[in-house]
Amino acid sequence: MGLWTLLEGLLLLANALAILNEDRFLTPRGWSFQEFPGGKVKSLKGQVLGLINATQYLRVPLIILNVISIVVKLVSG
């Protein structure tokens, strides 16, 4: 497993976190962003929700990274 494979795996994980819908997936399971209104997230659950929230705001850079990854895969085979 090379560095490129690891980076692709992280990109796929970021894509998976970016498409999670709060109303359909997170809230029924008790993982709502509204549980931490003050921004004080010291628990693991709060930090994971913060990571999910951050990846949802970074959708445009994720699109660009996906395009770069696809182009590299097409060129390198």
N, C-alpha and C. Protein backbone atom coordinates (compact mmCIF):
# COMPACT_ATOMS: atom_id res chain seq x y z
N MET A 1 0.85 -1.17 0.00
CA MET A 1 0.00 0.00 0.00
C MET A 1 0.90 1.23 0.00
N GLY A 2 0.69 2.05 -1.00
CA GLY A 2 1.51 3.24 -1.13
C GLY A 2 0.84 4.47 -0.54
N LEU A 3 1.55 5.56 -0.62
CA LEU A 3 1.05 6.84 -0.11
C LEU A 3 -0.18 7.29 -0.90
N TRP A 4 -0.16 7.09 -2.22
CA TRP A 4 -1.29 7.50 -3.05
C TRP A 4 -2.55 6.73 -2.66
N THR A 5 -2.43 5.46 -2.39
CA THR A 5 -3.58 4.65 -1.99
C THR A 5 -4.14 5.13 -0.65
N LEU A 6 -3.26 5.48 0.26
CA LEU A 6 -3.69 6.01 1.54
C LEU A 6 -4.43 7.33 1.37
N LEU A 7 -3.90 8.22 0.53
CA LEU A 7 -4.56 9.50 0.28
C LEU A 7 -5.91 9.31 -0.39
N GLU A 8 -6.02 8.35 -1.30
CA GLU A 8 -7.31 8.06 -1.92
C GLU A 8 -8.32 7.54 -0.90
N GLY A 9 -7.87 6.73 0.01
CA GLY A 9 -8.74 6.23 1.07
C GLY A 9 -9.25 7.35 1.97
N LEU A 10 -8.37 8.28 2.31
CA LEU A 10 -8.79 9.42 3.12
C LEU A 10 -9.76 10.32 2.36
N LEU A 11 -9.54 10.46 1.06
CA LEU A 11 -10.46 11.24 0.23
C LEU A 11 -11.83 10.58 0.18
N LEU A 12 -11.87 9.26 0.06
CA LEU A 12 -13.14 8.54 0.06
C LEU A 12 -13.85 8.69 1.41
N LEU A 13 -13.11 8.66 2.50
CA LEU A 13 -13.69 8.85 3.82
C LEU A 13 -14.26 10.27 3.97
N ALA A 14 -13.54 11.26 3.48
CA ALA A 14 -14.03 12.64 3.53
C ALA A 14 -15.29 12.79 2.68
N ASN A 15 -15.33 12.12 1.53
CA ASN A 15 -16.54 12.16 0.70
C ASN A 15 -17.72 11.53 1.44
N ALA A 16 -17.48 10.44 2.12
CA ALA A 16 -18.55 9.76 2.86
C ALA A 16 -19.09 10.65 3.98
N LEU A 17 -18.21 11.37 4.67
CA LEU A 17 -18.66 12.25 5.73
C LEU A 17 -19.39 13.47 5.19
N ALA A 18 -18.99 13.93 4.01
CA ALA A 18 -19.58 15.14 3.43
C ALA A 18 -21.01 14.92 2.96
N ILE A 19 -21.37 13.69 2.62
CA ILE A 19 -22.72 13.48 2.09
C ILE A 19 -23.72 13.03 3.15
N LEU A 20 -23.29 12.90 4.40
CA LEU A 20 -24.22 12.49 5.45
C LEU A 20 -25.27 13.59 5.66
N ASN A 21 -26.52 13.21 5.63
CA ASN A 21 -27.61 14.14 5.84
C ASN A 21 -28.00 14.11 7.31
N GLU A 22 -28.05 15.29 7.92
CA GLU A 22 -28.35 15.34 9.35
C GLU A 22 -29.78 14.88 9.64
N ASP A 23 -30.74 15.33 8.86
CA ASP A 23 -32.14 15.00 9.14
C ASP A 23 -32.44 13.52 8.91
N ARG A 24 -31.87 12.92 7.88
CA ARG A 24 -32.20 11.54 7.55
C ARG A 24 -31.35 10.51 8.29
N PHE A 25 -30.09 10.83 8.53
CA PHE A 25 -29.19 9.82 9.06
C PHE A 25 -28.73 10.10 10.49
N LEU A 26 -28.32 11.32 10.77
CA LEU A 26 -27.68 11.59 12.07
C LEU A 26 -28.68 11.78 13.21
N THR A 27 -29.71 12.58 13.00
CA THR A 27 -30.65 12.89 14.08
C THR A 27 -31.39 11.66 14.59
N PRO A 28 -31.89 10.75 13.74
CA PRO A 28 -32.57 9.56 14.28
C PRO A 28 -31.66 8.68 15.14
N ARG A 29 -30.38 8.79 14.97
CA ARG A 29 -29.44 7.98 15.74
C ARG A 29 -28.85 8.74 16.93
N GLY A 30 -29.35 9.96 17.17
CA GLY A 30 -28.89 10.74 18.31
C GLY A 30 -27.60 11.50 18.08
N TRP A 31 -27.26 11.76 16.82
CA TRP A 31 -26.02 12.48 16.50
C TRP A 31 -26.36 13.81 15.84
N SER A 32 -27.07 14.66 16.55
CA SER A 32 -27.50 15.94 16.00
C SER A 32 -26.47 17.02 16.31
N PHE A 33 -26.34 17.98 15.39
CA PHE A 33 -25.44 19.11 15.62
C PHE A 33 -26.00 20.05 16.68
N GLN A 34 -27.28 19.97 16.94
CA GLN A 34 -27.92 20.87 17.90
C GLN A 34 -27.68 20.45 19.34
N GLU A 35 -27.06 19.31 19.55
CA GLU A 35 -26.76 18.86 20.91
C GLU A 35 -25.62 19.68 21.53
N PHE A 36 -24.84 20.33 20.69
CA PHE A 36 -23.68 21.10 21.17
C PHE A 36 -23.82 22.55 20.70
N PRO A 37 -24.75 23.31 21.30
CA PRO A 37 -25.01 24.66 20.80
C PRO A 37 -23.92 25.67 21.14
N GLY A 38 -23.21 25.48 22.22
CA GLY A 38 -22.22 26.46 22.64
C GLY A 38 -20.88 26.32 21.96
N GLY A 39 -20.70 25.31 21.17
CA GLY A 39 -19.42 25.09 20.52
C GLY A 39 -18.41 24.38 21.40
N LYS A 40 -18.80 24.01 22.61
CA LYS A 40 -17.89 23.31 23.52
C LYS A 40 -18.00 21.81 23.26
N VAL A 41 -17.10 21.32 22.46
CA VAL A 41 -17.13 19.90 22.09
C VAL A 41 -15.85 19.24 22.58
N LYS A 42 -15.93 18.66 23.75
CA LYS A 42 -14.75 18.00 24.30
C LYS A 42 -14.89 16.49 24.26
N SER A 43 -16.10 16.00 24.05
CA SER A 43 -16.29 14.56 24.01
C SER A 43 -15.94 14.04 22.62
N LEU A 44 -15.77 12.74 22.52
CA LEU A 44 -15.48 12.13 21.24
C LEU A 44 -16.63 12.32 20.26
N LYS A 45 -17.86 12.20 20.77
CA LYS A 45 -19.04 12.40 19.93
C LYS A 45 -19.07 13.83 19.38
N GLY A 46 -18.76 14.79 20.21
CA GLY A 46 -18.73 16.19 19.76
C GLY A 46 -17.65 16.44 18.73
N GLN A 47 -16.51 15.81 18.90
CA GLN A 47 -15.43 15.99 17.95
C GLN A 47 -15.75 15.34 16.61
N VAL A 48 -16.40 14.19 16.63
CA VAL A 48 -16.80 13.52 15.39
C VAL A 48 -17.85 14.37 14.67
N LEU A 49 -18.80 14.94 15.43
CA LEU A 49 -19.79 15.81 14.81
C LEU A 49 -19.13 17.06 14.23
N GLY A 50 -18.13 17.58 14.89
CA GLY A 50 -17.39 18.72 14.35
C GLY A 50 -16.67 18.37 13.06
N LEU A 51 -16.10 17.17 12.99
CA LEU A 51 -15.44 16.72 11.77
C LEU A 51 -16.44 16.57 10.63
N ILE A 52 -17.60 16.00 10.92
CA ILE A 52 -18.64 15.86 9.90
C ILE A 52 -19.10 17.23 9.43
N ASN A 53 -19.28 18.15 10.35
CA ASN A 53 -19.70 19.51 10.00
C ASN A 53 -18.64 20.21 9.15
N ALA A 54 -17.38 20.02 9.48
CA ALA A 54 -16.31 20.65 8.71
C ALA A 54 -16.23 20.10 7.29
N THR A 55 -16.40 18.80 7.13
CA THR A 55 -16.32 18.23 5.79
C THR A 55 -17.52 18.65 4.94
N GLN A 56 -18.65 18.92 5.58
CA GLN A 56 -19.80 19.39 4.81
C GLN A 56 -19.59 20.81 4.31
N TYR A 57 -18.84 21.61 5.03
CA TYR A 57 -18.54 22.96 4.56
C TYR A 57 -17.43 22.98 3.51
N LEU A 58 -16.64 21.94 3.43
CA LEU A 58 -15.53 21.89 2.48
C LEU A 58 -15.87 21.05 1.25
N ARG A 59 -17.08 21.17 0.76
CA ARG A 59 -17.49 20.36 -0.39
C ARG A 59 -16.80 20.80 -1.67
N VAL A 60 -16.60 22.09 -1.87
CA VAL A 60 -15.95 22.57 -3.11
C VAL A 60 -14.50 22.08 -3.20
N PRO A 61 -13.70 22.20 -2.13
CA PRO A 61 -12.35 21.61 -2.22
C PRO A 61 -12.37 20.10 -2.41
N LEU A 62 -13.37 19.42 -1.85
CA LEU A 62 -13.48 17.98 -2.07
C LEU A 62 -13.77 17.66 -3.53
N ILE A 63 -14.59 18.47 -4.17
CA ILE A 63 -14.87 18.26 -5.59
C ILE A 63 -13.59 18.43 -6.40
N ILE A 64 -12.81 19.44 -6.08
CA ILE A 64 -11.56 19.68 -6.79
C ILE A 64 -10.58 18.53 -6.57
N LEU A 65 -10.47 18.05 -5.34
CA LEU A 65 -9.58 16.93 -5.06
C LEU A 65 -10.05 15.66 -5.76
N ASN A 66 -11.37 15.46 -5.86
CA ASN A 66 -11.89 14.30 -6.59
C ASN A 66 -11.54 14.38 -8.07
N VAL A 67 -11.66 15.56 -8.65
CA VAL A 67 -11.32 15.73 -10.07
C VAL A 67 -9.84 15.45 -10.29
N ILE A 68 -8.99 15.95 -9.40
CA ILE A 68 -7.55 15.70 -9.52
C ILE A 68 -7.26 14.21 -9.40
N SER A 69 -7.91 13.55 -8.46
CA SER A 69 -7.71 12.12 -8.29
C SER A 69 -8.15 11.34 -9.53
N ILE A 70 -9.26 11.72 -10.11
CA ILE A 70 -9.75 11.04 -11.31
C ILE A 70 -8.80 11.25 -12.48
N VAL A 71 -8.31 12.46 -12.64
CA VAL A 71 -7.39 12.75 -13.73
C VAL A 71 -6.10 11.96 -13.57
N VAL A 72 -5.57 11.90 -12.36
CA VAL A 72 -4.33 11.13 -12.11
C VAL A 72 -4.57 9.66 -12.39
N LYS A 73 -5.72 9.14 -12.00
CA LYS A 73 -6.03 7.73 -12.27
C LYS A 73 -6.14 7.47 -13.77
N LEU A 74 -6.76 8.40 -14.51
CA LEU A 74 -6.88 8.23 -15.95
C LEU A 74 -5.53 8.28 -16.65
N VAL A 75 -4.65 9.15 -16.19
CA VAL A 75 -3.33 9.30 -16.82
C VAL A 75 -2.42 8.14 -16.46
N SER A 76 -2.44 7.73 -15.19
CA SER A 76 -1.49 6.71 -14.76
C SER A 76 -2.00 5.29 -14.99
N GLY A 77 -3.27 5.14 -15.14
CA GLY A 77 -3.80 3.81 -15.45
C GLY A 77 -4.31 3.08 -14.32
